[in-house]
């Protein structure tokens, strides 16, 4: 299969950069290697994004748990203080 492209100057600059980054001798090999690497990086990114979202969910759940604990502790301290005041006034 042969591909014929007529890149613009800007695209030629991009091709040259990809060729340097992939250490390939030809533009066509650089293009295919770059595409291959992009596919792998996209898979890696998607997996990391899933892990990140799971961590965000866990963080939110833990934060809510801490908030509930703090609110319960504050209420308990108020009840204990009110009971102490009631005992002192009797």
N, C-alpha and C. Protein backbone atom coordinates (compact mmCIF):
# COMPACT_ATOMS: atom_id res chain seq x y z
N UNK A 1 0.85 -1.17 0.00
CA UNK A 1 0.00 0.00 0.00
C UNK A 1 0.90 1.24 0.00
N UNK A 2 0.63 2.11 -0.89
CA UNK A 2 1.41 3.34 -0.98
C UNK A 2 0.53 4.52 -0.59
N UNK A 3 1.11 5.41 0.16
CA UNK A 3 0.41 6.63 0.56
C UNK A 3 1.15 7.81 -0.06
N UNK A 4 0.38 8.70 -0.63
CA UNK A 4 0.97 9.91 -1.16
C UNK A 4 0.38 11.09 -0.41
N UNK A 5 1.24 11.89 0.18
CA UNK A 5 0.76 13.08 0.88
C UNK A 5 1.54 14.28 0.37
N UNK A 6 0.89 15.40 0.43
CA UNK A 6 1.52 16.66 0.06
C UNK A 6 1.38 17.61 1.26
N UNK A 7 2.31 17.46 2.20
CA UNK A 7 2.19 18.24 3.43
C UNK A 7 2.51 19.72 3.22
N UNK A 8 1.88 20.51 4.06
CA UNK A 8 2.17 21.94 4.08
C UNK A 8 3.48 22.14 4.82
N UNK A 9 3.97 23.36 4.83
CA UNK A 9 5.21 23.65 5.55
C UNK A 9 5.07 23.33 7.04
N UNK A 10 3.93 23.69 7.59
CA UNK A 10 3.68 23.41 9.01
C UNK A 10 3.68 21.90 9.27
N UNK A 11 3.04 21.14 8.38
CA UNK A 11 3.01 19.70 8.53
C UNK A 11 4.40 19.08 8.34
N UNK A 12 5.18 19.66 7.46
CA UNK A 12 6.56 19.18 7.29
C UNK A 12 7.37 19.37 8.56
N UNK A 13 7.15 20.51 9.23
CA UNK A 13 7.83 20.75 10.51
C UNK A 13 7.42 19.70 11.53
N UNK A 14 6.13 19.39 11.55
CA UNK A 14 5.64 18.37 12.48
C UNK A 14 6.24 17.01 12.13
N UNK A 15 6.26 16.68 10.85
CA UNK A 15 6.85 15.41 10.42
C UNK A 15 8.32 15.31 10.82
N UNK A 16 9.05 16.39 10.64
CA UNK A 16 10.46 16.39 11.01
C UNK A 16 10.62 16.18 12.52
N UNK A 17 9.74 16.81 13.30
CA UNK A 17 9.80 16.65 14.75
C UNK A 17 9.48 15.20 15.14
N UNK A 18 8.46 14.62 14.51
CA UNK A 18 8.10 13.23 14.80
C UNK A 18 9.24 12.30 14.39
N UNK A 19 9.86 12.60 13.27
CA UNK A 19 10.98 11.77 12.81
C UNK A 19 12.12 11.80 13.82
N UNK A 20 12.41 12.98 14.37
CA UNK A 20 13.47 13.08 15.39
C UNK A 20 13.06 12.35 16.67
N UNK A 21 11.80 12.52 17.08
CA UNK A 21 11.34 11.90 18.32
C UNK A 21 11.32 10.37 18.24
N UNK A 22 11.00 9.85 17.07
CA UNK A 22 10.90 8.40 16.92
C UNK A 22 12.22 7.77 16.47
N UNK A 23 13.17 8.60 16.11
CA UNK A 23 14.49 8.13 15.64
C UNK A 23 14.37 7.24 14.40
N UNK A 24 13.40 7.55 13.56
CA UNK A 24 13.23 6.80 12.31
C UNK A 24 13.91 7.56 11.18
N UNK A 25 14.29 6.82 10.14
CA UNK A 25 15.00 7.43 9.02
C UNK A 25 14.07 8.02 7.96
N UNK A 26 12.85 7.52 7.90
CA UNK A 26 11.92 8.03 6.88
C UNK A 26 10.67 8.59 7.54
N UNK A 27 10.02 9.49 6.81
CA UNK A 27 8.77 10.06 7.32
C UNK A 27 7.70 8.99 7.50
N UNK A 28 7.60 8.08 6.55
CA UNK A 28 6.54 7.07 6.64
C UNK A 28 6.73 6.18 7.87
N UNK A 29 7.95 5.76 8.15
CA UNK A 29 8.19 4.95 9.35
C UNK A 29 7.93 5.77 10.61
N UNK A 30 8.30 7.04 10.56
CA UNK A 30 8.06 7.92 11.71
C UNK A 30 6.57 8.09 11.96
N UNK A 31 5.81 8.25 10.88
CA UNK A 31 4.35 8.41 11.01
C UNK A 31 3.75 7.17 11.66
N UNK A 32 4.09 5.98 11.13
CA UNK A 32 3.51 4.75 11.67
C UNK A 32 3.98 4.47 13.10
N UNK A 33 5.23 4.75 13.39
CA UNK A 33 5.71 4.55 14.76
C UNK A 33 5.03 5.55 15.70
N UNK A 34 4.88 6.79 15.24
CA UNK A 34 4.19 7.80 16.05
C UNK A 34 2.74 7.41 16.32
N UNK A 35 2.06 6.89 15.30
CA UNK A 35 0.68 6.45 15.49
C UNK A 35 0.60 5.27 16.45
N UNK A 36 1.53 4.36 16.32
CA UNK A 36 1.57 3.20 17.22
C UNK A 36 1.78 3.66 18.67
N UNK A 37 2.72 4.56 18.85
CA UNK A 37 2.98 5.08 20.20
C UNK A 37 1.78 5.86 20.73
N UNK A 38 1.11 6.60 19.85
CA UNK A 38 -0.07 7.36 20.27
C UNK A 38 -1.15 6.41 20.78
N UNK A 39 -1.38 5.31 20.04
CA UNK A 39 -2.40 4.35 20.45
C UNK A 39 -2.08 3.80 21.84
N UNK A 40 -0.83 3.43 22.07
CA UNK A 40 -0.45 2.90 23.38
C UNK A 40 -0.58 3.97 24.47
N UNK A 41 -0.15 5.18 24.17
CA UNK A 41 -0.27 6.26 25.16
C UNK A 41 -1.73 6.57 25.47
N UNK A 42 -2.59 6.49 24.46
CA UNK A 42 -4.02 6.74 24.67
C UNK A 42 -4.61 5.67 25.59
N UNK A 43 -4.21 4.40 25.38
CA UNK A 43 -4.68 3.32 26.27
C UNK A 43 -4.19 3.57 27.69
N UNK A 44 -2.91 3.91 27.82
CA UNK A 44 -2.34 4.19 29.15
C UNK A 44 -3.06 5.35 29.82
N UNK A 45 -3.33 6.40 29.04
CA UNK A 45 -4.02 7.58 29.57
C UNK A 45 -5.41 7.20 30.06
N UNK A 46 -6.14 6.43 29.24
CA UNK A 46 -7.50 6.04 29.63
C UNK A 46 -7.49 5.23 30.91
N UNK A 47 -6.52 4.33 31.04
CA UNK A 47 -6.41 3.53 32.26
C UNK A 47 -6.09 4.41 33.47
N UNK A 48 -5.16 5.33 33.31
CA UNK A 48 -4.82 6.24 34.40
C UNK A 48 -6.00 7.14 34.76
N UNK A 49 -6.76 7.54 33.76
CA UNK A 49 -7.93 8.38 34.02
C UNK A 49 -8.97 7.61 34.83
N UNK A 50 -9.16 6.32 34.52
CA UNK A 50 -10.08 5.49 35.30
C UNK A 50 -9.62 5.38 36.75
N UNK A 51 -8.31 5.14 36.93
CA UNK A 51 -7.77 5.04 38.28
C UNK A 51 -7.92 6.37 39.03
N UNK A 52 -7.67 7.46 38.33
CA UNK A 52 -7.79 8.79 38.93
C UNK A 52 -9.23 9.04 39.38
N UNK A 53 -10.18 8.71 38.53
CA UNK A 53 -11.58 8.91 38.89
C UNK A 53 -11.99 8.04 40.07
N UNK A 54 -11.47 6.81 40.11
CA UNK A 54 -11.76 5.94 41.25
C UNK A 54 -11.17 6.51 42.54
N UNK A 55 -9.97 7.07 42.44
CA UNK A 55 -9.35 7.70 43.61
C UNK A 55 -10.13 8.94 44.05
N UNK A 56 -10.61 9.72 43.10
CA UNK A 56 -11.42 10.89 43.45
C UNK A 56 -12.69 10.47 44.18
N UNK A 57 -13.32 9.38 43.70
CA UNK A 57 -14.54 8.89 44.35
C UNK A 57 -14.24 8.42 45.77
N UNK A 58 -13.16 7.67 45.93
CA UNK A 58 -12.76 7.19 47.25
C UNK A 58 -12.44 8.35 48.17
N UNK A 59 -11.75 9.35 47.65
CA UNK A 59 -11.42 10.54 48.44
C UNK A 59 -12.69 11.23 48.91
N UNK A 60 -13.66 11.39 48.02
CA UNK A 60 -14.91 12.05 48.39
C UNK A 60 -15.65 11.26 49.47
N UNK A 61 -15.65 9.93 49.33
CA UNK A 61 -16.31 9.09 50.34
C UNK A 61 -15.61 9.20 51.69
N UNK A 62 -14.29 9.18 51.68
CA UNK A 62 -13.53 9.30 52.94
C UNK A 62 -13.74 10.67 53.57
N UNK A 63 -13.77 11.69 52.73
CA UNK A 63 -13.99 13.04 53.25
C UNK A 63 -15.37 13.15 53.90
N UNK A 64 -16.37 12.55 53.27
CA UNK A 64 -17.72 12.57 53.84
C UNK A 64 -17.75 11.81 55.16
N UNK A 65 -17.03 10.70 55.23
CA UNK A 65 -16.96 9.94 56.47
C UNK A 65 -16.33 10.76 57.59
N UNK A 66 -15.26 11.45 57.28
CA UNK A 66 -14.60 12.30 58.27
C UNK A 66 -15.54 13.42 58.71
N UNK A 67 -16.24 14.04 57.77
CA UNK A 67 -17.18 15.10 58.12
C UNK A 67 -18.28 14.59 59.04
N UNK A 68 -18.80 13.40 58.73
CA UNK A 68 -19.84 12.82 59.59
C UNK A 68 -19.30 12.52 60.99
N UNK A 69 -18.06 12.03 61.05
CA UNK A 69 -17.44 11.76 62.35
C UNK A 69 -17.28 13.05 63.16
N UNK A 70 -16.80 14.09 62.52
CA UNK A 70 -16.59 15.36 63.22
C UNK A 70 -17.93 15.91 63.71
N UNK A 71 -18.96 15.84 62.88
CA UNK A 71 -20.28 16.34 63.29
C UNK A 71 -20.82 15.53 64.46
N UNK A 72 -20.67 14.20 64.41
CA UNK A 72 -21.15 13.35 65.50
C UNK A 72 -20.38 13.62 66.79
N UNK A 73 -19.08 13.80 66.67
CA UNK A 73 -18.27 14.09 67.86
C UNK A 73 -18.66 15.43 68.46
N UNK A 74 -18.90 16.42 67.62
CA UNK A 74 -19.31 17.74 68.10
C UNK A 74 -20.65 17.65 68.82
N UNK A 75 -21.60 16.91 68.25
CA UNK A 75 -22.91 16.74 68.89
C UNK A 75 -22.77 16.02 70.23
N UNK A 76 -21.95 14.99 70.26
CA UNK A 76 -21.74 14.25 71.51
C UNK A 76 -21.14 15.15 72.58
N UNK A 77 -20.14 15.96 72.21
CA UNK A 77 -19.55 16.88 73.17
C UNK A 77 -20.58 17.88 73.69
N UNK A 78 -21.46 18.36 72.83
CA UNK A 78 -22.50 19.30 73.28
C UNK A 78 -23.46 18.62 74.25
N UNK A 79 -23.84 17.39 73.94
CA UNK A 79 -24.74 16.65 74.83
C UNK A 79 -24.07 16.43 76.18
N UNK A 80 -22.80 16.07 76.14
CA UNK A 80 -22.09 15.85 77.40
C UNK A 80 -21.96 17.14 78.20
N UNK A 81 -21.71 18.24 77.50
CA UNK A 81 -21.62 19.54 78.19
C UNK A 81 -22.97 19.94 78.76
N UNK A 82 -24.04 19.71 78.00
CA UNK A 82 -25.38 20.04 78.50
C UNK A 82 -25.73 19.19 79.71
N UNK A 83 -25.36 17.92 79.66
CA UNK A 83 -25.61 17.03 80.80
C UNK A 83 -24.81 17.49 82.02
N UNK A 84 -23.57 17.90 81.80
CA UNK A 84 -22.74 18.38 82.90
C UNK A 84 -23.33 19.63 83.52
N UNK A 85 -23.84 20.53 82.67
CA UNK A 85 -24.47 21.77 83.18
C UNK A 85 -25.74 21.43 83.98
N UNK A 86 -26.50 20.46 83.47
CA UNK A 86 -27.71 20.06 84.16
C UNK A 86 -27.39 19.43 85.51
N UNK A 87 -26.36 18.61 85.55
CA UNK A 87 -25.94 17.98 86.80
C UNK A 87 -25.45 19.02 87.79
N UNK A 88 -24.78 20.07 87.35
CA UNK A 88 -24.24 21.10 88.22
C UNK A 88 -25.35 22.00 88.76
N UNK A 89 -26.42 22.18 88.03
CA UNK A 89 -27.49 23.05 88.48
C UNK A 89 -28.44 22.33 89.44
N UNK A 90 -28.37 21.01 89.48
CA UNK A 90 -29.25 20.25 90.38
C UNK A 90 -28.76 20.27 91.75
